[in-house]
N, C-alpha and C. Protein backbone atom coordinates (compact mmCIF):
# COMPACT_ATOMS: atom_id res chain seq x y z
N MET A 1 -15.20 -9.20 -16.18
CA MET A 1 -15.48 -8.19 -15.14
C MET A 1 -15.18 -8.82 -13.78
N GLU A 2 -14.28 -8.20 -13.04
CA GLU A 2 -13.95 -8.79 -11.74
C GLU A 2 -15.06 -8.48 -10.74
N GLU A 3 -15.18 -9.37 -9.76
CA GLU A 3 -16.28 -9.19 -8.82
C GLU A 3 -15.98 -8.08 -7.83
N LYS A 4 -17.06 -7.49 -7.33
CA LYS A 4 -16.93 -6.44 -6.31
C LYS A 4 -16.91 -7.10 -4.94
N THR A 5 -16.04 -6.60 -4.09
CA THR A 5 -16.03 -7.07 -2.71
C THR A 5 -16.87 -6.09 -1.89
N ASN A 6 -17.18 -6.46 -0.66
CA ASN A 6 -17.93 -5.55 0.21
C ASN A 6 -17.20 -4.23 0.39
N VAL A 7 -15.87 -4.29 0.49
CA VAL A 7 -15.08 -3.07 0.63
C VAL A 7 -15.34 -2.14 -0.55
N MET A 8 -15.33 -2.70 -1.77
CA MET A 8 -15.57 -1.88 -2.96
C MET A 8 -16.99 -1.30 -2.94
N ARG A 9 -17.96 -2.11 -2.49
CA ARG A 9 -19.34 -1.61 -2.41
C ARG A 9 -19.45 -0.45 -1.42
N ILE A 10 -18.75 -0.57 -0.29
CA ILE A 10 -18.77 0.51 0.71
C ILE A 10 -18.17 1.78 0.11
N LEU A 11 -17.06 1.64 -0.60
CA LEU A 11 -16.41 2.80 -1.22
C LEU A 11 -17.30 3.41 -2.30
N ASP A 12 -17.99 2.54 -3.06
CA ASP A 12 -18.92 3.04 -4.09
C ASP A 12 -20.05 3.83 -3.44
N GLN A 13 -20.61 3.30 -2.35
CA GLN A 13 -21.71 3.99 -1.66
C GLN A 13 -21.28 5.38 -1.21
N LYS A 14 -20.03 5.49 -0.75
CA LYS A 14 -19.53 6.77 -0.27
C LYS A 14 -19.00 7.63 -1.41
N LYS A 15 -19.12 7.11 -2.63
CA LYS A 15 -18.67 7.83 -3.84
C LYS A 15 -17.19 8.24 -3.75
N LEU A 16 -16.39 7.32 -3.22
CA LEU A 16 -14.96 7.59 -3.12
C LEU A 16 -14.24 6.89 -4.27
N SER A 17 -13.21 7.55 -4.76
CA SER A 17 -12.52 6.94 -5.89
C SER A 17 -11.44 6.00 -5.37
N TYR A 18 -11.34 4.87 -6.04
CA TYR A 18 -10.33 3.87 -5.72
C TYR A 18 -10.06 3.08 -6.98
N GLN A 19 -8.97 2.37 -6.98
CA GLN A 19 -8.66 1.49 -8.08
C GLN A 19 -8.61 0.09 -7.50
N SER A 20 -9.26 -0.86 -8.16
CA SER A 20 -9.20 -2.22 -7.63
C SER A 20 -8.14 -3.01 -8.39
N HIS A 21 -7.48 -3.89 -7.69
CA HIS A 21 -6.45 -4.75 -8.26
C HIS A 21 -6.81 -6.19 -7.93
N CYS A 22 -6.62 -7.07 -8.89
CA CYS A 22 -6.91 -8.47 -8.67
C CYS A 22 -5.66 -9.28 -8.97
N TYR A 23 -5.30 -10.16 -8.05
CA TYR A 23 -4.14 -11.02 -8.31
C TYR A 23 -4.51 -12.49 -8.11
N VAL A 24 -5.79 -12.79 -8.28
CA VAL A 24 -6.27 -14.17 -8.14
C VAL A 24 -5.55 -15.04 -9.18
N GLY A 25 -5.12 -16.22 -8.74
CA GLY A 25 -4.49 -17.14 -9.68
C GLY A 25 -3.02 -16.88 -9.96
N THR A 26 -2.45 -15.89 -9.29
CA THR A 26 -1.03 -15.59 -9.55
C THR A 26 -0.12 -16.40 -8.63
N GLY A 27 -0.71 -16.97 -7.58
CA GLY A 27 0.11 -17.73 -6.63
C GLY A 27 0.79 -16.84 -5.60
N ALA A 28 0.55 -15.52 -5.67
CA ALA A 28 1.17 -14.61 -4.70
C ALA A 28 0.55 -14.85 -3.33
N VAL A 29 1.40 -15.04 -2.34
CA VAL A 29 0.91 -15.29 -0.99
C VAL A 29 1.38 -14.19 -0.05
N SER A 30 2.69 -13.98 0.00
CA SER A 30 3.20 -12.96 0.91
C SER A 30 2.89 -11.57 0.36
N GLY A 31 2.87 -10.61 1.25
CA GLY A 31 2.61 -9.23 0.84
C GLY A 31 3.59 -8.73 -0.21
N VAL A 32 4.84 -9.14 -0.06
CA VAL A 32 5.86 -8.69 -1.02
C VAL A 32 5.57 -9.27 -2.41
N GLU A 33 5.14 -10.55 -2.45
CA GLU A 33 4.77 -11.16 -3.73
C GLU A 33 3.55 -10.45 -4.33
N VAL A 34 2.60 -10.09 -3.47
CA VAL A 34 1.41 -9.37 -3.94
C VAL A 34 1.81 -8.03 -4.55
N ALA A 35 2.69 -7.30 -3.85
CA ALA A 35 3.17 -6.00 -4.35
C ALA A 35 3.79 -6.16 -5.74
N LYS A 36 4.57 -7.24 -5.92
CA LYS A 36 5.20 -7.51 -7.21
C LYS A 36 4.14 -7.73 -8.29
N GLN A 37 3.11 -8.53 -7.95
CA GLN A 37 2.03 -8.80 -8.91
C GLN A 37 1.29 -7.52 -9.30
N LEU A 38 1.20 -6.58 -8.36
CA LEU A 38 0.48 -5.32 -8.62
C LEU A 38 1.38 -4.27 -9.24
N ASN A 39 2.65 -4.63 -9.46
CA ASN A 39 3.65 -3.66 -9.94
C ASN A 39 3.73 -2.43 -9.05
N GLN A 40 3.71 -2.68 -7.75
CA GLN A 40 3.78 -1.60 -6.78
C GLN A 40 5.01 -1.81 -5.90
N PRO A 41 5.64 -0.72 -5.46
CA PRO A 41 6.72 -0.90 -4.49
C PRO A 41 6.12 -1.43 -3.18
N PRO A 42 6.84 -2.32 -2.47
CA PRO A 42 6.27 -2.92 -1.25
C PRO A 42 5.93 -1.89 -0.16
N ASP A 43 6.54 -0.70 -0.23
CA ASP A 43 6.20 0.29 0.82
C ASP A 43 4.88 1.01 0.53
N LYS A 44 4.23 0.63 -0.58
CA LYS A 44 2.94 1.23 -0.93
C LYS A 44 1.79 0.25 -0.75
N VAL A 45 2.14 -1.00 -0.45
CA VAL A 45 1.13 -2.03 -0.27
C VAL A 45 1.13 -2.39 1.23
N PHE A 46 -0.04 -2.28 1.85
CA PHE A 46 -0.14 -2.44 3.30
C PHE A 46 -0.93 -3.69 3.67
N LYS A 47 -0.60 -4.24 4.85
CA LYS A 47 -1.35 -5.39 5.36
C LYS A 47 -2.10 -4.97 6.61
N THR A 48 -3.19 -5.64 6.88
CA THR A 48 -4.05 -5.32 8.01
C THR A 48 -3.88 -6.40 9.08
N LEU A 49 -3.46 -5.99 10.26
CA LEU A 49 -3.20 -6.92 11.35
C LEU A 49 -4.16 -6.64 12.51
N VAL A 50 -4.71 -7.69 13.08
CA VAL A 50 -5.65 -7.52 14.19
C VAL A 50 -5.00 -8.08 15.45
N THR A 51 -5.04 -7.28 16.51
CA THR A 51 -4.39 -7.64 17.75
C THR A 51 -5.39 -7.58 18.90
N VAL A 52 -4.97 -8.14 20.02
CA VAL A 52 -5.76 -8.02 21.24
C VAL A 52 -4.83 -7.48 22.33
N GLY A 53 -5.34 -6.50 23.08
CA GLY A 53 -4.54 -5.89 24.13
C GLY A 53 -4.71 -6.64 25.44
N LYS A 54 -3.86 -6.29 26.39
CA LYS A 54 -3.90 -6.87 27.74
C LYS A 54 -5.31 -6.70 28.33
N SER A 55 -5.99 -5.61 27.96
CA SER A 55 -7.32 -5.30 28.48
C SER A 55 -8.41 -6.18 27.86
N GLY A 56 -8.03 -6.91 26.78
CA GLY A 56 -9.03 -7.72 26.07
C GLY A 56 -9.66 -6.98 24.91
N ARG A 57 -9.32 -5.69 24.73
CA ARG A 57 -9.84 -4.92 23.60
C ARG A 57 -9.05 -5.23 22.34
N HIS A 58 -9.70 -5.11 21.20
CA HIS A 58 -9.04 -5.41 19.92
C HIS A 58 -8.62 -4.13 19.21
N TYR A 59 -7.54 -4.24 18.48
CA TYR A 59 -6.98 -3.10 17.73
C TYR A 59 -6.55 -3.57 16.35
N VAL A 60 -6.64 -2.64 15.40
CA VAL A 60 -6.25 -2.94 14.03
C VAL A 60 -5.05 -2.07 13.68
N PHE A 61 -4.04 -2.71 13.10
CA PHE A 61 -2.84 -1.99 12.67
C PHE A 61 -2.63 -2.28 11.18
N VAL A 62 -2.37 -1.22 10.42
CA VAL A 62 -2.19 -1.36 8.97
C VAL A 62 -0.77 -0.87 8.67
N ILE A 63 0.06 -1.79 8.19
CA ILE A 63 1.48 -1.47 7.99
C ILE A 63 1.97 -1.96 6.62
N PRO A 64 3.09 -1.40 6.13
CA PRO A 64 3.64 -1.85 4.85
C PRO A 64 3.94 -3.36 4.88
N VAL A 65 3.68 -4.05 3.77
CA VAL A 65 3.79 -5.51 3.74
C VAL A 65 5.18 -6.04 4.06
N GLU A 66 6.22 -5.26 3.75
CA GLU A 66 7.54 -5.81 3.97
C GLU A 66 8.06 -5.52 5.38
N LYS A 67 7.22 -4.88 6.18
CA LYS A 67 7.62 -4.53 7.55
C LYS A 67 6.98 -5.46 8.57
N GLU A 68 7.49 -5.37 9.79
CA GLU A 68 6.96 -6.18 10.88
C GLU A 68 6.39 -5.24 11.94
N LEU A 69 5.23 -5.60 12.47
CA LEU A 69 4.61 -4.79 13.52
C LEU A 69 5.47 -4.85 14.78
N ASP A 70 5.80 -3.68 15.32
CA ASP A 70 6.51 -3.61 16.59
C ASP A 70 5.45 -3.61 17.69
N LEU A 71 5.30 -4.75 18.37
CA LEU A 71 4.22 -4.90 19.35
C LEU A 71 4.33 -3.91 20.50
N LYS A 72 5.56 -3.54 20.87
CA LYS A 72 5.75 -2.55 21.95
C LYS A 72 5.24 -1.18 21.50
N LYS A 73 5.64 -0.76 20.30
CA LYS A 73 5.19 0.54 19.79
C LYS A 73 3.67 0.53 19.61
N ALA A 74 3.16 -0.59 19.09
CA ALA A 74 1.71 -0.71 18.87
C ALA A 74 0.96 -0.55 20.18
N ALA A 75 1.41 -1.26 21.22
CA ALA A 75 0.75 -1.19 22.53
C ALA A 75 0.79 0.24 23.08
N LYS A 76 1.96 0.87 22.96
CA LYS A 76 2.12 2.23 23.48
C LYS A 76 1.15 3.19 22.77
N ASN A 77 1.03 3.03 21.45
CA ASN A 77 0.16 3.92 20.67
C ASN A 77 -1.32 3.80 21.01
N VAL A 78 -1.73 2.64 21.52
CA VAL A 78 -3.15 2.48 21.87
C VAL A 78 -3.36 2.49 23.38
N GLY A 79 -2.29 2.79 24.13
CA GLY A 79 -2.41 2.91 25.57
C GLY A 79 -2.61 1.60 26.30
N GLU A 80 -2.02 0.52 25.75
CA GLU A 80 -2.10 -0.79 26.40
C GLU A 80 -0.72 -1.16 26.96
N LYS A 81 -0.72 -2.03 27.98
CA LYS A 81 0.56 -2.54 28.50
C LYS A 81 1.23 -3.41 27.44
N SER A 82 0.40 -4.22 26.74
CA SER A 82 0.94 -5.08 25.69
C SER A 82 -0.19 -5.43 24.73
N VAL A 83 0.18 -5.78 23.51
CA VAL A 83 -0.77 -6.31 22.53
C VAL A 83 -0.14 -7.54 21.89
N GLU A 84 -0.98 -8.44 21.44
CA GLU A 84 -0.45 -9.59 20.69
C GLU A 84 -1.39 -9.87 19.52
N MET A 85 -0.86 -10.54 18.51
CA MET A 85 -1.67 -10.89 17.35
C MET A 85 -2.77 -11.85 17.81
N ILE A 86 -3.97 -11.72 17.23
CA ILE A 86 -5.00 -12.69 17.58
C ILE A 86 -4.72 -13.97 16.80
N LYS A 87 -5.30 -15.06 17.26
CA LYS A 87 -5.10 -16.34 16.57
C LYS A 87 -5.90 -16.32 15.27
N SER A 88 -5.34 -16.97 14.25
CA SER A 88 -5.99 -17.02 12.93
C SER A 88 -7.46 -17.42 13.00
N LYS A 89 -7.77 -18.41 13.85
CA LYS A 89 -9.15 -18.90 13.89
C LYS A 89 -10.12 -17.89 14.51
N GLU A 90 -9.59 -16.89 15.23
CA GLU A 90 -10.45 -15.86 15.83
C GLU A 90 -10.78 -14.74 14.85
N LEU A 91 -10.02 -14.66 13.76
CA LEU A 91 -10.16 -13.54 12.84
C LEU A 91 -11.53 -13.46 12.18
N LEU A 92 -11.99 -14.57 11.60
CA LEU A 92 -13.26 -14.56 10.88
C LEU A 92 -14.45 -14.21 11.79
N PRO A 93 -14.62 -14.90 12.94
CA PRO A 93 -15.77 -14.53 13.79
C PRO A 93 -15.70 -13.09 14.29
N LEU A 94 -14.48 -12.58 14.50
CA LEU A 94 -14.31 -11.23 15.04
C LEU A 94 -14.53 -10.15 13.98
N THR A 95 -13.93 -10.35 12.80
CA THR A 95 -13.92 -9.27 11.79
C THR A 95 -14.82 -9.54 10.60
N GLY A 96 -15.11 -10.83 10.35
CA GLY A 96 -15.83 -11.18 9.12
C GLY A 96 -14.88 -11.46 7.97
N TYR A 97 -13.59 -11.37 8.23
CA TYR A 97 -12.59 -11.60 7.18
C TYR A 97 -11.71 -12.80 7.50
N VAL A 98 -11.16 -13.41 6.44
CA VAL A 98 -10.23 -14.52 6.63
C VAL A 98 -8.80 -14.00 6.57
N HIS A 99 -7.88 -14.79 7.13
CA HIS A 99 -6.46 -14.44 7.11
C HIS A 99 -6.02 -14.29 5.65
N GLY A 100 -5.37 -13.18 5.34
CA GLY A 100 -4.92 -12.94 3.97
C GLY A 100 -5.91 -12.09 3.19
N GLY A 101 -7.11 -11.89 3.74
CA GLY A 101 -8.10 -11.07 3.05
C GLY A 101 -8.75 -10.09 4.01
N CYS A 102 -8.00 -9.67 5.01
CA CYS A 102 -8.54 -8.79 6.05
C CYS A 102 -8.35 -7.33 5.63
N SER A 103 -9.43 -6.57 5.66
CA SER A 103 -9.38 -5.16 5.27
C SER A 103 -9.75 -4.29 6.47
N PRO A 104 -9.16 -3.09 6.56
CA PRO A 104 -9.57 -2.19 7.65
C PRO A 104 -10.99 -1.65 7.44
N ILE A 105 -11.51 -1.78 6.22
CA ILE A 105 -12.87 -1.29 5.91
C ILE A 105 -13.86 -2.44 6.02
N GLY A 106 -14.99 -2.19 6.67
CA GLY A 106 -16.09 -3.15 6.64
C GLY A 106 -16.00 -4.29 7.62
N MET A 107 -15.22 -4.15 8.68
CA MET A 107 -15.18 -5.20 9.70
C MET A 107 -16.53 -5.23 10.42
N LYS A 108 -16.81 -6.36 11.07
CA LYS A 108 -18.09 -6.49 11.80
C LYS A 108 -18.27 -5.38 12.82
N LYS A 109 -17.19 -4.98 13.47
CA LYS A 109 -17.24 -3.86 14.42
C LYS A 109 -16.12 -2.91 14.06
N ALA A 110 -16.29 -1.64 14.45
CA ALA A 110 -15.21 -0.68 14.23
C ALA A 110 -14.25 -0.77 15.41
N PHE A 111 -13.04 -1.19 15.14
CA PHE A 111 -12.02 -1.28 16.17
C PHE A 111 -11.09 -0.07 16.06
N PRO A 112 -10.48 0.33 17.17
CA PRO A 112 -9.48 1.41 17.06
C PRO A 112 -8.43 0.99 16.03
N THR A 113 -8.15 1.87 15.09
CA THR A 113 -7.27 1.55 13.97
C THR A 113 -6.13 2.54 13.86
N MET A 114 -4.93 2.01 13.64
CA MET A 114 -3.75 2.85 13.43
C MET A 114 -3.10 2.42 12.13
N ILE A 115 -2.64 3.41 11.38
CA ILE A 115 -1.96 3.14 10.11
C ILE A 115 -0.55 3.69 10.21
N HIS A 116 0.40 2.90 9.72
CA HIS A 116 1.80 3.34 9.81
C HIS A 116 1.96 4.70 9.14
N GLN A 117 2.72 5.56 9.80
CA GLN A 117 2.83 6.97 9.40
C GLN A 117 3.32 7.20 7.97
N THR A 118 4.02 6.23 7.37
CA THR A 118 4.51 6.45 6.00
C THR A 118 3.35 6.60 5.01
N ALA A 119 2.18 6.05 5.34
CA ALA A 119 1.02 6.15 4.44
C ALA A 119 0.63 7.61 4.23
N ALA A 120 0.84 8.44 5.25
CA ALA A 120 0.45 9.85 5.17
C ALA A 120 1.20 10.58 4.05
N GLN A 121 2.40 10.10 3.72
CA GLN A 121 3.19 10.75 2.67
C GLN A 121 2.88 10.24 1.26
N LEU A 122 2.10 9.16 1.18
CA LEU A 122 1.83 8.56 -0.13
C LEU A 122 0.62 9.20 -0.80
N ASP A 123 0.68 9.30 -2.14
CA ASP A 123 -0.50 9.77 -2.88
C ASP A 123 -1.62 8.76 -2.71
N THR A 124 -1.27 7.50 -2.96
CA THR A 124 -2.25 6.42 -2.79
C THR A 124 -1.52 5.25 -2.16
N PHE A 125 -2.29 4.36 -1.56
CA PHE A 125 -1.69 3.12 -1.07
C PHE A 125 -2.70 2.00 -1.26
N CYS A 126 -2.19 0.77 -1.24
CA CYS A 126 -3.02 -0.40 -1.49
C CYS A 126 -3.20 -1.18 -0.20
N PHE A 127 -4.37 -1.79 -0.07
CA PHE A 127 -4.62 -2.71 1.05
C PHE A 127 -5.71 -3.67 0.62
N SER A 128 -5.93 -4.69 1.43
CA SER A 128 -6.87 -5.74 1.05
C SER A 128 -8.27 -5.18 0.82
N ALA A 129 -8.91 -5.72 -0.22
CA ALA A 129 -10.30 -5.34 -0.51
C ALA A 129 -11.25 -6.28 0.22
N GLY A 130 -10.73 -7.05 1.17
CA GLY A 130 -11.61 -7.88 1.98
C GLY A 130 -11.79 -9.29 1.47
N LYS A 131 -10.98 -9.65 0.48
CA LYS A 131 -11.07 -10.99 -0.07
C LYS A 131 -9.70 -11.34 -0.61
N ILE A 132 -9.25 -12.58 -0.39
CA ILE A 132 -7.93 -12.97 -0.88
C ILE A 132 -7.91 -12.79 -2.40
N GLY A 133 -6.85 -12.14 -2.88
CA GLY A 133 -6.72 -11.94 -4.33
C GLY A 133 -7.20 -10.57 -4.80
N TYR A 134 -7.73 -9.78 -3.88
CA TYR A 134 -8.24 -8.45 -4.26
C TYR A 134 -7.66 -7.37 -3.36
N GLN A 135 -7.24 -6.28 -4.00
CA GLN A 135 -6.72 -5.13 -3.27
C GLN A 135 -7.41 -3.88 -3.79
N VAL A 136 -7.52 -2.87 -2.95
CA VAL A 136 -7.96 -1.56 -3.42
C VAL A 136 -6.81 -0.58 -3.20
N GLU A 137 -6.75 0.39 -4.08
CA GLU A 137 -5.74 1.44 -3.98
C GLU A 137 -6.49 2.75 -3.88
N MET A 138 -6.18 3.53 -2.86
CA MET A 138 -6.88 4.80 -2.71
C MET A 138 -6.01 5.80 -1.95
N LYS A 139 -6.50 7.04 -1.90
CA LYS A 139 -5.79 8.09 -1.17
C LYS A 139 -6.01 7.89 0.32
N PRO A 140 -4.94 8.02 1.11
CA PRO A 140 -5.12 7.89 2.57
C PRO A 140 -6.17 8.86 3.11
N ASP A 141 -6.23 10.07 2.56
CA ASP A 141 -7.23 11.04 3.03
C ASP A 141 -8.65 10.57 2.76
N ASP A 142 -8.83 9.86 1.64
CA ASP A 142 -10.17 9.34 1.33
C ASP A 142 -10.55 8.23 2.30
N LEU A 143 -9.57 7.45 2.74
CA LEU A 143 -9.85 6.38 3.69
C LEU A 143 -10.42 6.96 4.99
N LYS A 144 -9.97 8.17 5.35
CA LYS A 144 -10.47 8.84 6.55
C LYS A 144 -11.99 9.09 6.47
N LYS A 145 -12.53 9.12 5.26
CA LYS A 145 -13.98 9.35 5.09
C LYS A 145 -14.78 8.07 5.33
N VAL A 146 -14.08 6.93 5.45
CA VAL A 146 -14.75 5.65 5.63
C VAL A 146 -14.53 5.10 7.04
N ILE A 147 -13.30 5.16 7.51
CA ILE A 147 -13.00 4.65 8.86
C ILE A 147 -12.21 5.70 9.63
N ARG A 148 -12.27 5.59 10.95
CA ARG A 148 -11.48 6.49 11.78
C ARG A 148 -10.16 5.80 12.08
N PHE A 149 -9.08 6.54 11.91
CA PHE A 149 -7.76 5.97 12.23
C PHE A 149 -6.80 7.08 12.55
N GLU A 150 -5.69 6.70 13.13
CA GLU A 150 -4.62 7.65 13.39
C GLU A 150 -3.34 7.09 12.79
N TYR A 151 -2.44 8.02 12.44
CA TYR A 151 -1.12 7.59 11.95
C TYR A 151 -0.20 7.44 13.16
N ALA A 152 0.70 6.46 13.07
CA ALA A 152 1.67 6.27 14.14
C ALA A 152 2.87 5.50 13.61
N ASP A 153 3.97 5.56 14.36
CA ASP A 153 5.14 4.76 14.03
C ASP A 153 4.90 3.37 14.63
N LEU A 154 4.74 2.38 13.77
CA LEU A 154 4.29 1.06 14.24
C LEU A 154 5.23 -0.09 13.93
N VAL A 155 6.29 0.18 13.17
CA VAL A 155 7.08 -0.95 12.71
C VAL A 155 8.45 -1.03 13.37
N VAL A 156 9.02 -2.23 13.30
CA VAL A 156 10.33 -2.50 13.89
C VAL A 156 11.38 -1.69 13.16
């Protein structure tokens, strides 16, 4: 029996359906390798990126693993002059998650969150379950019942 992550517990509390995937021990590191381990196309597996804007406010962007965040588009979408990725060492104290296991669900604080618009067309999509080696797959509409987010064009 695989262990439950906090993300899974939050989804259980809200009685939302999801499928959990575990790739612990597979050696998959990059998002594309993770997608392969899950037998999912890379455009269905998303990564969670945390940024800081010129104003000092933090933002979360969730994009397909094989894509790159377009910092200009990201900044424009959240009304900032510019945004940049936060440093790896800032991630845990800020979100409660480590690099590679960051989930848009269950962060220490709710940050403005944007998800790449292609997710809106998918039946389900996968993202980190909040721990390295674990992913959850769920309907984008169901995710709206847990966190607030908007869809936007975010990638290069």
